[in-house]
Amino acid sequence: MESDELKDRITGEVVELRARAEFAVEQVTIATRNVAAARRSQELTQGRREFGIGAILEAVDAERELARARTEHLRAIANHNACQWEFWYVIGQDENGSQAAAAH
């Protein structure tokens, strides 16, 4: 009976981690788009400022938004990587798909 309970628990962990990893991929995709949009906004703002159309405050806000988007992008990537490592640990493999040396 304990063996079945252990299998069920491990299966549950794998399913949960898989869902978290898929969500993390979606977050990376969204964050990548946000960085691209912020970069484009910053470029447009800089161009307007160079032609004397835009305000300095507008340029500062665009730079701040780009920095925020980049930070969120890095957080999303780090979260995705953590999910991947945890998933590999639970299934007993390393990042290359080989059987992990240490037993859990």
C-alpha atoms as a PDB file:
ATOM      1  CA  MET A   1       0.000   0.000   0.000  1.00  0.00           C
ATOM      2  CA  GLU A   2       2.811   2.408   0.828  1.00  0.00           C
ATOM      3  CA  SER A   3       4.266   1.884  -2.631  1.00  0.00           C
ATOM      4  CA  ASP A   4       1.011   2.990  -4.273  1.00  0.00           C
ATOM      5  CA  GLU A   5       0.804   6.036  -2.014  1.00  0.00           C
ATOM      6  CA  LEU A   6       4.385   6.975  -2.871  1.00  0.00           C
ATOM      7  CA  LYS A   7       3.710   6.590  -6.598  1.00  0.00           C
ATOM      8  CA  ASP A   8       0.587   8.738  -6.284  1.00  0.00           C
ATOM      9  CA  ARG A   9       2.481  11.418  -4.369  1.00  0.00           C
ATOM     10  CA  ILE A  10       5.328  11.496  -6.894  1.00  0.00           C
ATOM     11  CA  THR A  11       2.872  11.554  -9.796  1.00  0.00           C
ATOM     12  CA  GLY A  12       1.076  14.481  -8.169  1.00  0.00           C
ATOM     13  CA  GLU A  13       4.366  16.345  -7.727  1.00  0.00           C
ATOM     14  CA  VAL A  14       5.329  15.745 -11.358  1.00  0.00           C
ATOM     15  CA  VAL A  15       1.952  16.950 -12.637  1.00  0.00           C
ATOM     16  CA  GLU A  16       2.123  20.069 -10.452  1.00  0.00           C
ATOM     17  CA  LEU A  17       5.682  20.850 -11.494  1.00  0.00           C
ATOM     18  CA  ARG A  18       4.827  20.348 -15.161  1.00  0.00           C
ATOM     19  CA  ALA A  19       1.962  22.834 -14.841  1.00  0.00           C
ATOM     20  CA  ARG A  20       4.225  25.318 -13.062  1.00  0.00           C
ATOM     21  CA  ALA A  21       6.875  24.925 -15.773  1.00  0.00           C
ATOM     22  CA  GLU A  22       4.304  25.536 -18.516  1.00  0.00           C
ATOM     23  CA  PHE A  23       3.073  28.629 -16.684  1.00  0.00           C
ATOM     24  CA  ALA A  24       6.681  29.801 -16.322  1.00  0.00           C
ATOM     25  CA  VAL A  25       7.176  29.468 -20.090  1.00  0.00           C
ATOM     26  CA  GLU A  26       4.103  31.629 -20.650  1.00  0.00           C
ATOM     27  CA  GLN A  27       5.459  34.212 -18.208  1.00  0.00           C
ATOM     28  CA  VAL A  28       8.798  34.316 -20.065  1.00  0.00           C
ATOM     29  CA  THR A  29       6.956  34.822 -23.355  1.00  0.00           C
ATOM     30  CA  ILE A  30       4.894  37.674 -21.910  1.00  0.00           C
ATOM     31  CA  ALA A  31       7.950  39.265 -20.301  1.00  0.00           C
ATOM     32  CA  THR A  32       9.854  39.049 -23.600  1.00  0.00           C
ATOM     33  CA  ARG A  33       7.028  40.876 -25.359  1.00  0.00           C
ATOM     34  CA  ASN A  34       6.938  43.492 -22.608  1.00  0.00           C
ATOM     35  CA  VAL A  35      10.665  44.153 -22.998  1.00  0.00           C
ATOM     36  CA  ALA A  36      10.250  44.568 -26.750  1.00  0.00           C
ATOM     37  CA  ALA A  37       7.334  46.987 -26.255  1.00  0.00           C
ATOM     38  CA  ALA A  38       9.224  48.979 -23.624  1.00  0.00           C
ATOM     39  CA  ARG A  39      12.300  49.123 -25.830  1.00  0.00           C
ATOM     40  CA  ARG A  40      10.220  50.387 -28.746  1.00  0.00           C
ATOM     41  CA  SER A  41       8.573  52.993 -26.527  1.00  0.00           C
ATOM     42  CA  GLN A  42      11.960  54.116 -25.247  1.00  0.00           C
ATOM     43  CA  GLU A  43      13.298  54.418 -28.805  1.00  0.00           C
ATOM     44  CA  LEU A  44      10.294  56.457 -29.926  1.00  0.00           C
ATOM     45  CA  THR A  45      10.532  58.689 -26.869  1.00  0.00           C
ATOM     46  CA  GLN A  46      14.240  59.214 -27.453  1.00  0.00           C
ATOM     47  CA  GLY A  47      13.567  60.098 -31.094  1.00  0.00           C
ATOM     48  CA  ARG A  48      10.919  62.660 -30.126  1.00  0.00           C
ATOM     49  CA  ARG A  49      13.233  64.149 -27.557  1.00  0.00           C
ATOM     50  CA  GLU A  50      16.073  64.463 -30.090  1.00  0.00           C
ATOM     51  CA  PHE A  51      13.739  66.426 -32.362  1.00  0.00           C
ATOM     52  CA  GLY A  52      12.642  68.619 -29.472  1.00  0.00           C
ATOM     53  CA  ILE A  53       9.116  67.191 -29.345  1.00  0.00           C
ATOM     54  CA  GLY A  54       9.280  65.033 -26.226  1.00  0.00           C
ATOM     55  CA  ALA A  55       9.847  66.033 -22.632  1.00  0.00           C
ATOM     56  CA  ILE A  56      12.737  64.863 -20.509  1.00  0.00           C
ATOM     57  CA  LEU A  57      10.317  63.394 -17.980  1.00  0.00           C
ATOM     58  CA  GLU A  58       8.753  61.275 -20.737  1.00  0.00           C
ATOM     59  CA  ALA A  59      12.211  59.916 -21.629  1.00  0.00           C
ATOM     60  CA  VAL A  60      12.973  59.134 -17.990  1.00  0.00           C
ATOM     61  CA  ASP A  61       9.660  57.289 -17.623  1.00  0.00           C
ATOM     62  CA  ALA A  62      10.373  55.262 -20.764  1.00  0.00           C
ATOM     63  CA  GLU A  63      13.828  54.324 -19.445  1.00  0.00           C
ATOM     64  CA  ARG A  64      12.314  53.337 -16.095  1.00  0.00           C
ATOM     65  CA  GLU A  65       9.686  51.170 -17.796  1.00  0.00           C
ATOM     66  CA  LEU A  66      12.349  49.461 -19.917  1.00  0.00           C
ATOM     67  CA  ALA A  67      14.408  48.707 -16.796  1.00  0.00           C
ATOM     68  CA  ARG A  68      11.304  47.326 -15.035  1.00  0.00           C
ATOM     69  CA  ALA A  69      10.431  45.140 -18.028  1.00  0.00           C
ATOM     70  CA  ARG A  70      13.978  43.782 -18.197  1.00  0.00           C
ATOM     71  CA  THR A  71      13.925  42.993 -14.474  1.00  0.00           C
ATOM     72  CA  GLU A  72      10.604  41.147 -14.794  1.00  0.00           C
ATOM     73  CA  HIS A  73      11.988  39.256 -17.792  1.00  0.00           C
ATOM     74  CA  LEU A  74      14.969  38.076 -15.750  1.00  0.00           C
ATOM     75  CA  ARG A  75      12.677  37.051 -12.883  1.00  0.00           C
ATOM     76  CA  ALA A  76      10.518  35.051 -15.286  1.00  0.00           C
ATOM     77  CA  ILE A  77      13.573  33.291 -16.714  1.00  0.00           C
ATOM     78  CA  ALA A  78      14.901  32.521 -13.219  1.00  0.00           C
ATOM     79  CA  ASN A  79      11.500  31.143 -12.183  1.00  0.00           C
ATOM     80  CA  HIS A  80      11.361  28.980 -15.313  1.00  0.00           C
ATOM     81  CA  ASN A  81      14.853  27.647 -14.643  1.00  0.00           C
ATOM     82  CA  ALA A  82      13.978  26.853 -11.018  1.00  0.00           C
ATOM     83  CA  CYS A  83      10.876  24.955 -12.162  1.00  0.00           C
ATOM     84  CA  GLN A  84      12.928  22.987 -14.673  1.00  0.00           C
ATOM     85  CA  TRP A  85      15.540  22.015 -12.088  1.00  0.00           C
ATOM     86  CA  GLU A  86      12.875  20.986  -9.594  1.00  0.00           C
ATOM     87  CA  PHE A  87      11.104  18.949 -12.279  1.00  0.00           C
ATOM     88  CA  TRP A  88      14.335  17.188 -13.249  1.00  0.00           C
ATOM     89  CA  TYR A  89      15.074  16.453  -9.587  1.00  0.00           C
ATOM     90  CA  VAL A  90      11.652  14.931  -8.981  1.00  0.00           C
ATOM     91  CA  ILE A  91      11.852  12.681 -12.037  1.00  0.00           C
ATOM     92  CA  GLY A  92      15.450  11.712 -11.254  1.00  0.00           C
ATOM     93  CA  GLN A  93      17.154  13.226 -14.290  1.00  0.00           C
ATOM     94  CA  ASP A  94      19.691  15.947 -14.880  1.00  0.00           C
ATOM     95  CA  GLU A  95      19.390  18.821 -17.365  1.00  0.00           C
ATOM     96  CA  ASN A  96      20.648  16.597 -20.193  1.00  0.00           C
ATOM     97  CA  GLY A  97      17.984  13.940 -19.657  1.00  0.00           C
ATOM     98  CA  SER A  98      20.457  11.495 -18.072  1.00  0.00           C
ATOM     99  CA  GLN A  99      19.666   9.563 -14.942  1.00  0.00           C
ATOM    100  CA  ALA A 100      20.797  11.647 -11.952  1.00  0.00           C
ATOM    101  CA  ALA A 101      23.628  10.157  -9.897  1.00  0.00           C
ATOM    102  CA  ALA A 102      22.130  10.902  -6.487  1.00  0.00           C
ATOM    103  CA  ALA A 103      19.009   9.150  -5.285  1.00  0.00           C
ATOM    104  CA  HIS A 104      16.260  11.206  -3.674  1.00  0.00           C
END
